[in-house]
């Protein structure tokens, strides 16, 4: 069995297919969204946190 697999492996060439522009667009969109989420997350982490706002006459 190993000899047969080795023979087939030696004769089979890899098939290279170009990626379709539609598929690449999906990857690009996801990459841009991830980058945007990271940038927004970094900004949120550096924003100062204010204490609770208490308005007179209203319950929290």
N, C-alpha and C. Protein backbone atom coordinates (compact mmCIF):
# COMPACT_ATOMS: atom_id res chain seq x y z
N UNK A 1 0.82 -1.18 0.00
CA UNK A 1 0.00 0.00 0.00
C UNK A 1 0.88 1.26 0.00
N UNK A 2 1.93 1.27 0.81
CA UNK A 2 2.82 2.44 0.87
C UNK A 2 3.49 2.68 -0.47
N UNK A 3 3.86 1.61 -1.17
CA UNK A 3 4.49 1.75 -2.48
C UNK A 3 3.52 2.37 -3.48
N UNK A 4 2.27 1.95 -3.42
CA UNK A 4 1.25 2.49 -4.32
C UNK A 4 1.03 3.98 -4.04
N UNK A 5 0.93 4.34 -2.77
CA UNK A 5 0.75 5.75 -2.43
C UNK A 5 1.95 6.59 -2.84
N UNK A 6 3.15 6.06 -2.67
CA UNK A 6 4.35 6.78 -3.08
C UNK A 6 4.39 6.96 -4.60
N UNK A 7 3.98 5.95 -5.34
CA UNK A 7 3.96 6.04 -6.80
C UNK A 7 2.95 7.09 -7.27
N UNK A 8 1.76 7.07 -6.68
CA UNK A 8 0.73 8.04 -7.06
C UNK A 8 1.19 9.45 -6.68
N UNK A 9 1.78 9.58 -5.50
CA UNK A 9 2.25 10.88 -5.05
C UNK A 9 3.34 11.44 -5.98
N UNK A 10 4.16 10.56 -6.52
CA UNK A 10 5.24 10.99 -7.41
C UNK A 10 4.70 11.42 -8.77
N UNK A 11 3.57 10.87 -9.19
CA UNK A 11 3.05 11.19 -10.53
C UNK A 11 2.04 12.33 -10.53
N UNK A 12 1.48 12.63 -9.39
CA UNK A 12 0.45 13.67 -9.32
C UNK A 12 1.11 15.03 -9.14
N UNK A 13 0.73 15.96 -10.00
CA UNK A 13 1.22 17.33 -9.87
C UNK A 13 0.18 18.17 -9.15
N UNK A 14 0.60 19.13 -8.35
CA UNK A 14 -0.38 19.98 -7.67
C UNK A 14 -1.13 20.84 -8.68
N UNK A 15 -2.38 21.07 -8.39
CA UNK A 15 -3.22 21.89 -9.25
C UNK A 15 -3.26 23.29 -8.65
N UNK A 16 -2.81 24.26 -9.41
CA UNK A 16 -2.81 25.64 -8.96
C UNK A 16 -3.98 26.35 -9.61
N UNK A 17 -4.85 26.86 -8.78
CA UNK A 17 -6.00 27.59 -9.30
C UNK A 17 -5.90 29.03 -8.83
N UNK A 18 -6.18 29.92 -9.74
CA UNK A 18 -6.17 31.32 -9.33
C UNK A 18 -7.42 31.59 -8.50
N UNK A 19 -7.28 32.40 -7.51
CA UNK A 19 -8.40 32.75 -6.67
C UNK A 19 -9.27 33.75 -7.41
N UNK A 20 -10.56 33.53 -7.33
CA UNK A 20 -11.45 34.43 -8.05
C UNK A 20 -11.46 35.81 -7.39
N UNK A 21 -11.68 36.85 -8.16
CA UNK A 21 -11.74 38.21 -7.58
C UNK A 21 -12.85 38.34 -6.55
N UNK A 22 -13.93 37.59 -6.71
CA UNK A 22 -15.04 37.66 -5.75
C UNK A 22 -14.58 37.12 -4.40
N UNK A 23 -13.88 36.01 -4.42
CA UNK A 23 -13.39 35.43 -3.17
C UNK A 23 -12.37 36.35 -2.52
N UNK A 24 -11.51 36.95 -3.31
CA UNK A 24 -10.50 37.86 -2.76
C UNK A 24 -11.17 39.09 -2.15
N UNK A 25 -12.26 39.55 -2.75
CA UNK A 25 -12.96 40.71 -2.20
C UNK A 25 -13.48 40.39 -0.81
N UNK A 26 -14.04 39.19 -0.64
CA UNK A 26 -14.54 38.80 0.68
C UNK A 26 -13.42 38.79 1.71
N UNK A 27 -12.26 38.31 1.33
CA UNK A 27 -11.12 38.28 2.24
C UNK A 27 -10.69 39.70 2.57
N UNK A 28 -10.65 40.56 1.57
CA UNK A 28 -10.24 41.96 1.79
C UNK A 28 -11.22 42.67 2.72
N UNK A 29 -12.51 42.44 2.52
CA UNK A 29 -13.53 43.09 3.35
C UNK A 29 -13.38 42.63 4.79
N UNK A 30 -13.20 41.32 4.99
CA UNK A 30 -13.03 40.81 6.35
C UNK A 30 -11.77 41.37 7.00
N UNK A 31 -10.69 41.48 6.23
CA UNK A 31 -9.44 42.03 6.76
C UNK A 31 -9.63 43.49 7.19
N UNK A 32 -10.33 44.26 6.37
CA UNK A 32 -10.58 45.67 6.70
C UNK A 32 -11.44 45.79 7.95
N UNK A 33 -12.46 44.94 8.08
CA UNK A 33 -13.33 44.99 9.25
C UNK A 33 -12.56 44.62 10.51
N UNK A 34 -11.70 43.61 10.42
CA UNK A 34 -10.88 43.23 11.59
C UNK A 34 -9.98 44.39 12.00
N UNK A 35 -9.36 45.03 11.02
CA UNK A 35 -8.48 46.16 11.33
C UNK A 35 -9.27 47.29 11.97
N UNK A 36 -10.48 47.54 11.49
CA UNK A 36 -11.30 48.61 12.06
C UNK A 36 -11.70 48.26 13.49
N UNK A 37 -12.10 47.02 13.75
CA UNK A 37 -12.46 46.61 15.11
C UNK A 37 -11.28 46.75 16.06
N UNK A 38 -10.09 46.39 15.59
CA UNK A 38 -8.90 46.53 16.43
C UNK A 38 -8.62 48.00 16.75
N UNK A 39 -8.75 48.86 15.74
CA UNK A 39 -8.49 50.28 15.95
C UNK A 39 -9.50 50.88 16.92
N UNK A 40 -10.77 50.51 16.76
CA UNK A 40 -11.80 51.02 17.65
C UNK A 40 -11.57 50.49 19.06
N UNK A 41 -11.23 49.23 19.17
CA UNK A 41 -10.96 48.65 20.48
C UNK A 41 -9.79 49.33 21.17
N UNK A 42 -8.77 49.69 20.43
CA UNK A 42 -7.62 50.38 21.01
C UNK A 42 -8.02 51.76 21.50
N UNK A 43 -8.87 52.45 20.76
CA UNK A 43 -9.33 53.77 21.18
C UNK A 43 -10.18 53.69 22.43
N UNK A 44 -11.03 52.69 22.51
CA UNK A 44 -11.90 52.54 23.68
C UNK A 44 -11.06 52.26 24.92
N UNK A 45 -9.99 51.51 24.78
CA UNK A 45 -9.15 51.20 25.92
C UNK A 45 -8.43 52.42 26.47
N UNK A 46 -8.17 53.44 25.65
CA UNK A 46 -7.44 54.60 26.13
C UNK A 46 -8.35 55.75 26.56
N UNK A 47 -9.65 55.63 26.34
CA UNK A 47 -10.55 56.69 26.76
C UNK A 47 -10.65 56.70 28.29
N UNK A 48 -10.63 57.89 28.88
CA UNK A 48 -10.77 57.94 30.33
C UNK A 48 -12.18 57.54 30.76
N UNK A 49 -12.26 56.91 31.90
CA UNK A 49 -13.55 56.45 32.40
C UNK A 49 -14.03 57.44 33.45
N UNK A 50 -15.23 57.95 33.25
CA UNK A 50 -15.81 58.90 34.21
C UNK A 50 -16.60 58.12 35.26
N UNK A 51 -16.74 58.71 36.41
CA UNK A 51 -17.54 58.10 37.47
C UNK A 51 -19.01 58.14 37.12
N UNK A 52 -19.83 57.53 37.95
CA UNK A 52 -21.28 57.54 37.67
C UNK A 52 -21.85 58.95 37.78
N UNK A 53 -22.77 59.25 36.91
CA UNK A 53 -23.42 60.56 36.91
C UNK A 53 -24.66 60.46 37.76
N UNK A 54 -24.76 61.32 38.76
CA UNK A 54 -25.93 61.30 39.65
C UNK A 54 -26.70 62.59 39.43
N UNK A 55 -27.94 62.45 39.06
CA UNK A 55 -28.80 63.61 38.85
C UNK A 55 -29.73 63.69 40.05
N UNK A 56 -29.83 64.86 40.64
CA UNK A 56 -30.67 65.01 41.83
C UNK A 56 -32.13 64.74 41.50
N UNK A 57 -32.75 63.99 42.38
CA UNK A 57 -34.17 63.72 42.21
C UNK A 57 -34.45 62.46 41.41
N UNK A 58 -33.42 61.83 40.84
CA UNK A 58 -33.64 60.61 40.06
C UNK A 58 -32.90 59.47 40.72
N UNK A 59 -33.51 58.32 40.70
CA UNK A 59 -32.88 57.13 41.24
C UNK A 59 -31.96 56.54 40.18
N UNK A 60 -30.89 55.94 40.62
CA UNK A 60 -29.91 55.38 39.69
C UNK A 60 -30.43 54.13 39.04
